[in-house]
C-alpha atoms as a PDB file:
ATOM      1  CA  MET A   1     171.811  81.647 203.228  1.00  0.00           C
ATOM      2  CA  THR A   2     170.876  85.209 203.620  1.00  0.00           C
ATOM      3  CA  GLU A   3     173.582  87.733 203.255  1.00  0.00           C
ATOM      4  CA  PRO A   4     173.282  91.021 205.051  1.00  0.00           C
ATOM      5  CA  ILE A   5     172.907  93.984 202.719  1.00  0.00           C
ATOM      6  CA  GLU A   6     174.219  97.323 203.778  1.00  0.00           C
ATOM      7  CA  SER A   7     172.292 100.476 203.056  1.00  0.00           C
ATOM      8  CA  THR A   8     173.626 103.971 203.528  1.00  0.00           C
ATOM      9  CA  GLN A   9     171.163 106.695 204.304  1.00  0.00           C
ATOM     10  CA  PRO A  10     172.175 110.315 204.586  1.00  0.00           C
ATOM     11  CA  VAL A  11     171.676 111.884 207.951  1.00  0.00           C
ATOM     12  CA  GLU A  12     169.430 114.923 208.278  1.00  0.00           C
ATOM     13  CA  PRO A  13     171.155 118.304 207.827  1.00  0.00           C
ATOM     14  CA  ASN A  14     170.845 119.260 211.505  1.00  0.00           C
ATOM     15  CA  GLN A  15     173.007 116.357 212.564  1.00  0.00           C
ATOM     16  CA  PRO A  16     176.747 116.068 212.037  1.00  0.00           C
ATOM     17  CA  GLU A  17     177.799 114.620 208.722  1.00  0.00           C
ATOM     18  CA  THR A  18     178.135 111.013 209.655  1.00  0.00           C
ATOM     19  CA  GLU A  19     176.508 108.249 207.740  1.00  0.00           C
ATOM     20  CA  GLU A  20     174.467 105.619 209.429  1.00  0.00           C
ATOM     21  CA  THR A  21     174.775 102.147 208.085  1.00  0.00           C
ATOM     22  CA  LYS A  22     171.770  99.909 208.365  1.00  0.00           C
ATOM     23  CA  THR A  23     172.084  96.260 207.544  1.00  0.00           C
ATOM     24  CA  LEU A  24     169.119  94.483 206.001  1.00  0.00           C
ATOM     25  CA  THR A  25     168.718  90.829 205.321  1.00  0.00           C
ATOM     26  CA  GLN A  26     167.513  89.668 201.928  1.00  0.00           C
ATOM     27  CA  SER A  27     164.074  88.846 203.317  1.00  0.00           C
ATOM     28  CA  GLU A  28     163.734  92.352 204.820  1.00  0.00           C
ATOM     29  CA  LEU A  29     164.756  93.901 201.519  1.00  0.00           C
ATOM     30  CA  ASP A  30     162.279  91.704 199.633  1.00  0.00           C
ATOM     31  CA  SER A  31     159.560  92.722 202.047  1.00  0.00           C
ATOM     32  CA  LEU A  32     160.276  96.445 201.505  1.00  0.00           C
ATOM     33  CA  MET A  33     160.286  95.975 197.745  1.00  0.00           C
ATOM     34  CA  ASP A  34     156.991  94.048 197.864  1.00  0.00           C
ATOM     35  CA  LYS A  35     155.367  96.835 199.880  1.00  0.00           C
ATOM     36  CA  HIS A  36     156.582  99.456 197.435  1.00  0.00           C
ATOM     37  CA  THR A  37     155.414  97.446 194.417  1.00  0.00           C
ATOM     38  CA  ALA A  38     152.017  96.864 196.020  1.00  0.00           C
ATOM     39  CA  LYS A  39     151.602 100.622 196.598  1.00  0.00           C
ATOM     40  CA  VAL A  40     152.442 101.432 192.980  1.00  0.00           C
ATOM     41  CA  LEU A  41     150.104  98.736 191.659  1.00  0.00           C
ATOM     42  CA  GLU A  42     147.296  99.936 193.918  1.00  0.00           C
ATOM     43  CA  LYS A  43     147.671 103.490 192.609  1.00  0.00           C
ATOM     44  CA  GLN A  44     147.660 102.329 188.974  1.00  0.00           C
ATOM     45  CA  LYS A  45     144.612 100.166 189.615  1.00  0.00           C
ATOM     46  CA  ALA A  46     142.742 103.127 191.121  1.00  0.00           C
ATOM     47  CA  ASP A  47     143.619 105.312 188.117  1.00  0.00           C
ATOM     48  CA  PHE A  48     142.483 102.612 185.688  1.00  0.00           C
ATOM     49  CA  GLU A  49     139.201 102.072 187.530  1.00  0.00           C
ATOM     50  CA  LYS A  50     138.516 105.813 187.454  1.00  0.00           C
ATOM     51  CA  GLN A  51     139.140 105.961 183.687  1.00  0.00           C
ATOM     52  CA  LEU A  52     136.949 102.898 183.161  1.00  0.00           C
ATOM     53  CA  ALA A  53     134.132 104.414 185.214  1.00  0.00           C
ATOM     54  CA  ASP A  54     134.321 107.631 183.194  1.00  0.00           C
ATOM     55  CA  ALA A  55     134.163 105.691 179.910  1.00  0.00           C
ATOM     56  CA  ILE A  56     131.210 103.636 181.142  1.00  0.00           C
ATOM     57  CA  GLN A  57     129.403 106.782 182.258  1.00  0.00           C
ATOM     58  CA  GLN A  58     129.778 108.337 178.809  1.00  0.00           C
ATOM     59  CA  GLY A  59     128.460 105.157 177.207  1.00  0.00           C
ATOM     60  CA  LYS A  60     125.527 105.101 179.620  1.00  0.00           C
ATOM     61  CA  THR A  61     124.716 108.680 178.775  1.00  0.00           C
ATOM     62  CA  GLU A  62     124.208 107.813 175.086  1.00  0.00           C
ATOM     63  CA  GLY A  63     122.432 104.573 175.932  1.00  0.00           C
ATOM     64  CA  GLU A  64     120.194 106.199 178.532  1.00  0.00           C
ATOM     65  CA  LYS A  65     119.372 108.946 176.075  1.00  0.00           C
ATOM     66  CA  LEU A  66     118.186 106.415 173.489  1.00  0.00           C
ATOM     67  CA  ALA A  67     116.371 104.326 176.105  1.00  0.00           C
ATOM     68  CA  THR A  68     114.409 107.266 177.476  1.00  0.00           C
ATOM     69  CA  MET A  69     113.301 108.478 174.035  1.00  0.00           C
ATOM     70  CA  SER A  70     109.820 107.752 172.894  1.00  0.00           C
ATOM     71  CA  ALA A  71     109.149 106.068 169.569  1.00  0.00           C
ATOM     72  CA  LYS A  72     108.379 109.437 167.986  1.00  0.00           C
ATOM     73  CA  GLU A  73     111.615 110.943 169.260  1.00  0.00           C
ATOM     74  CA  LYS A  74     113.589 107.927 168.020  1.00  0.00           C
ATOM     75  CA  ALA A  75     112.025 108.313 164.581  1.00  0.00           C
ATOM     76  CA  GLU A  76     112.911 112.018 164.561  1.00  0.00           C
ATOM     77  CA  GLU A  77     116.485 111.266 165.597  1.00  0.00           C
ATOM     78  CA  GLU A  78     116.813 108.652 162.849  1.00  0.00           C
ATOM     79  CA  ALA A  79     115.345 111.097 160.315  1.00  0.00           C
ATOM     80  CA  LYS A  80     117.866 113.739 161.389  1.00  0.00           C
ATOM     81  CA  GLN A  81     120.679 111.223 160.987  1.00  0.00           C
ATOM     82  CA  ARG A  82     119.460 110.205 157.497  1.00  0.00           C
ATOM     83  CA  LEU A  83     119.137 113.860 156.510  1.00  0.00           C
ATOM     84  CA  ALA A  84     122.682 114.559 157.696  1.00  0.00           C
ATOM     85  CA  ASP A  85     123.959 111.543 155.715  1.00  0.00           C
ATOM     86  CA  LEU A  86     122.092 112.695 152.588  1.00  0.00           C
ATOM     87  CA  GLU A  87     123.475 116.224 152.937  1.00  0.00           C
ATOM     88  CA  ALA A  88     127.007 114.837 153.279  1.00  0.00           C
ATOM     89  CA  ARG A  89     126.546 112.711 150.138  1.00  0.00           C
ATOM     90  CA  GLU A  90     125.062 115.636 148.235  1.00  0.00           C
ATOM     91  CA  LYS A  91     127.981 117.840 149.239  1.00  0.00           C
ATOM     92  CA  GLU A  92     130.438 115.174 148.098  1.00  0.00           C
ATOM     93  CA  LEU A  93     128.643 114.821 144.739  1.00  0.00           C
ATOM     94  CA  ASN A  94     128.594 118.595 144.280  1.00  0.00           C
ATOM     95  CA  GLN A  95     132.334 118.709 144.995  1.00  0.00           C
ATOM     96  CA  ARG A  96     132.985 116.003 142.386  1.00  0.00           C
ATOM     97  CA  GLU A  97     130.799 117.763 139.818  1.00  0.00           C
ATOM     98  CA  LEU A  98     132.514 121.082 140.503  1.00  0.00           C
ATOM     99  CA  THR A  99     135.929 119.430 140.158  1.00  0.00           C
ATOM    100  CA  VAL A 100     134.963 117.977 136.771  1.00  0.00           C
ATOM    101  CA  ASN A 101     133.564 121.319 135.596  1.00  0.00           C
ATOM    102  CA  VAL A 102     136.654 123.211 136.735  1.00  0.00           C
ATOM    103  CA  SER A 103     138.940 120.664 135.067  1.00  0.00           C
ATOM    104  CA  SER A 104     137.080 121.013 131.777  1.00  0.00           C
ATOM    105  CA  LEU A 105     137.164 124.832 132.060  1.00  0.00           C
ATOM    106  CA  LEU A 106     140.912 124.757 132.631  1.00  0.00           C
ATOM    107  CA  LYS A 107     141.415 122.370 129.735  1.00  0.00           C
ATOM    108  CA  GLU A 108     139.266 124.575 127.492  1.00  0.00           C
ATOM    109  CA  ARG A 109     141.337 127.630 128.394  1.00  0.00           C
ATOM    110  CA  GLU A 110     144.564 125.635 127.864  1.00  0.00           C
ATOM    111  CA  LEU A 111     145.602 125.960 131.508  1.00  0.00           C
ATOM    112  CA  PRO A 112     147.072 123.192 133.708  1.00  0.00           C
ATOM    113  CA  THR A 113     144.285 120.893 134.964  1.00  0.00           C
ATOM    114  CA  ASP A 114     146.309 120.174 138.102  1.00  0.00           C
ATOM    115  CA  LEU A 115     144.951 123.451 139.477  1.00  0.00           C
ATOM    116  CA  ALA A 116     141.384 122.084 139.609  1.00  0.00           C
ATOM    117  CA  GLU A 117     141.655 120.650 143.148  1.00  0.00           C
ATOM    118  CA  SER A 118     142.998 123.923 144.510  1.00  0.00           C
ATOM    119  CA  LEU A 119     140.353 126.005 142.761  1.00  0.00           C
ATOM    120  CA  VAL A 120     137.506 123.768 143.965  1.00  0.00           C
ATOM    121  CA  LYS A 121     138.371 124.768 147.528  1.00  0.00           C
ATOM    122  CA  LEU A 122     136.989 128.221 146.716  1.00  0.00           C
ATOM    123  CA  GLY A 123     133.605 126.491 146.610  1.00  0.00           C
ATOM    124  CA  ASN A 124     131.759 129.012 144.445  1.00  0.00           C
ATOM    125  CA  ALA A 125     131.582 128.522 140.662  1.00  0.00           C
ATOM    126  CA  ASP A 126     131.486 132.287 140.026  1.00  0.00           C
ATOM    127  CA  GLU A 127     134.602 132.897 142.123  1.00  0.00           C
ATOM    128  CA  ILE A 128     136.373 130.023 140.398  1.00  0.00           C
ATOM    129  CA  SER A 129     135.484 131.442 136.970  1.00  0.00           C
ATOM    130  CA  THR A 130     136.814 134.862 137.980  1.00  0.00           C
ATOM    131  CA  VAL A 131     140.059 133.335 139.270  1.00  0.00           C
ATOM    132  CA  VAL A 132     140.474 131.277 136.075  1.00  0.00           C
ATOM    133  CA  ASP A 133     139.974 134.419 133.960  1.00  0.00           C
ATOM    134  CA  SER A 134     142.571 136.309 136.013  1.00  0.00           C
ATOM    135  CA  LEU A 135     144.951 133.365 135.840  1.00  0.00           C
ATOM    136  CA  GLN A 136     144.584 133.092 132.073  1.00  0.00           C
ATOM    137  CA  GLN A 137     145.183 136.832 131.623  1.00  0.00           C
ATOM    138  CA  ALA A 138     148.259 136.739 133.853  1.00  0.00           C
ATOM    139  CA  ILE A 139     149.718 133.764 131.999  1.00  0.00           C
ATOM    140  CA  GLN A 140     148.989 135.332 128.605  1.00  0.00           C
ATOM    141  CA  GLN A 141     150.581 138.607 129.706  1.00  0.00           C
ATOM    142  CA  GLY A 142     153.655 136.715 130.882  1.00  0.00           C
ATOM    143  CA  ILE A 143     153.900 134.901 127.560  1.00  0.00           C
ATOM    144  CA  ASN A 144     153.506 138.157 125.608  1.00  0.00           C
ATOM    145  CA  ASP A 145     156.160 139.876 127.703  1.00  0.00           C
ATOM    146  CA  GLY A 146     158.525 136.959 127.163  1.00  0.00           C
ATOM    147  CA  VAL A 147     157.982 137.005 123.410  1.00  0.00           C
ATOM    148  CA  LYS A 148     158.502 140.775 123.242  1.00  0.00           C
ATOM    149  CA  GLY A 149     161.685 140.438 125.266  1.00  0.00           C
ATOM    150  CA  ARG A 150     163.075 137.802 122.945  1.00  0.00           C
ATOM    151  CA  LEU A 151     162.145 139.740 119.817  1.00  0.00           C
ATOM    152  CA  ARG A 152     163.625 142.973 121.115  1.00  0.00           C
ATOM    153  CA  GLN A 153     167.118 143.604 119.763  1.00  0.00           C
ATOM    154  CA  ASP A 154     169.683 146.116 120.791  1.00  0.00           C
ATOM    155  CA  PRO A 155     170.957 148.239 117.908  1.00  0.00           C
ATOM    156  CA  PRO A 156     174.305 147.014 116.638  1.00  0.00           C
ATOM    157  CA  LYS A 157     177.338 149.017 117.644  1.00  0.00           C
ATOM    158  CA  ASN A 158     179.998 150.559 115.411  1.00  0.00           C
ATOM    159  CA  ASP A 159     177.544 152.018 112.879  1.00  0.00           C
ATOM    160  CA  ALA A 160     176.593 148.637 111.409  1.00  0.00           C
ATOM    161  CA  THR A 161     173.053 149.856 110.736  1.00  0.00           C
ATOM    162  CA  LYS A 162     173.991 153.135 109.059  1.00  0.00           C
ATOM    163  CA  ILE A 163     174.059 153.312 105.316  1.00  0.00           C
ATOM    164  CA  ASN A 164     177.305 154.765 104.091  1.00  0.00           C
ATOM    165  CA  GLY A 165     178.327 155.359 107.707  1.00  0.00           C
ATOM    166  CA  ASP A 166     176.063 158.408 108.092  1.00  0.00           C
ATOM    167  CA  ILE A 167     175.287 159.231 111.743  1.00  0.00           C
ATOM    168  CA  GLY A 168     173.744 162.141 113.529  1.00  0.00           C
ATOM    169  CA  LYS A 169     174.983 164.357 116.335  1.00  0.00           C
ATOM    170  CA  MET A 170     173.078 162.313 118.959  1.00  0.00           C
ATOM    171  CA  GLU A 171     174.600 159.014 117.882  1.00  0.00           C
ATOM    172  CA  PHE A 172     178.037 160.623 117.828  1.00  0.00           C
ATOM    173  CA  ASN A 173     177.616 161.930 121.375  1.00  0.00           C
ATOM    174  CA  ALA A 174     176.578 158.467 122.555  1.00  0.00           C
ATOM    175  CA  MET A 175     179.837 156.936 121.258  1.00  0.00           C
ATOM    176  CA  THR A 176     182.756 156.092 123.463  1.00  0.00           C
ATOM    177  CA  ALA A 177     186.128 157.711 122.839  1.00  0.00           C
ATOM    178  CA  ALA A 178     187.446 154.589 121.104  1.00  0.00           C
ATOM    179  CA  GLU A 179     184.386 154.497 118.818  1.00  0.00           C
ATOM    180  CA  ARG A 180     184.868 158.191 117.950  1.00  0.00           C
ATOM    181  CA  VAL A 181     188.498 157.574 117.011  1.00  0.00           C
ATOM    182  CA  ALA A 182     187.483 154.645 114.812  1.00  0.00           C
ATOM    183  CA  PHE A 183     184.737 156.795 113.248  1.00  0.00           C
ATOM    184  CA  SER A 184     187.158 159.652 112.548  1.00  0.00           C
ATOM    185  CA  LYS A 185     189.489 157.258 110.710  1.00  0.00           C
ATOM    186  CA  SER A 186     186.717 155.609 108.691  1.00  0.00           C
ATOM    187  CA  ASN A 187     184.712 158.796 107.901  1.00  0.00           C
ATOM    188  CA  PRO A 188     186.977 161.821 108.268  1.00  0.00           C
ATOM    189  CA  GLU A 189     184.678 164.187 106.359  1.00  0.00           C
ATOM    190  CA  GLN A 190     181.579 163.386 108.384  1.00  0.00           C
ATOM    191  CA  PHE A 191     183.630 163.545 111.578  1.00  0.00           C
ATOM    192  CA  LYS A 192     184.641 167.107 110.655  1.00  0.00           C
ATOM    193  CA  GLN A 193     181.009 168.041 109.919  1.00  0.00           C
ATOM    194  CA  ILE A 194     179.761 166.727 113.263  1.00  0.00           C
ATOM    195  CA  THR A 195     182.556 168.142 115.354  1.00  0.00           C
ATOM    196  CA  GLY A 196     182.764 171.384 113.400  1.00  0.00           C
ATOM    197  CA  GLU A 197     186.483 171.153 112.896  1.00  0.00           C
END
């Protein structure tokens, strides 16, 4: 049994706003769907065939190029390819050798060998040596500054470094009021000398 299917289609804007109802049977609906599917498939097939033709044309271009070459030209092309392969291998070997040399230089200078890969990217042994020298100097300077900072001590407060509590006018002026009071109680004679009282 085929059941009628109702479809509502909006009416064009120039007409009054009434909806037309069109009834389709299942077979009519199937037919419309088949037509739509066939159109979509046809478009996809055309796109695929175009892409395939382009790919084949590119392949033919390389193949035709090799086919039209003479024996001498083929030999030259093969020689160029071998030369390019040899240059690539030589470059790779040079990179490895440079990496090993840089690693040993870093180890010799007591620097982290993890930096070797980054330094090799500079490509030039002279530049790498200059950078390693600068790096070593910077690290050494940082270490020296850190050691100096740790060894540096602030002078103790409250006259702990003075023998017999003797201080000068400059030290007295640098004291806080509370320190001056404590100084006057512990060294009344010197306090009078400094203050002139």
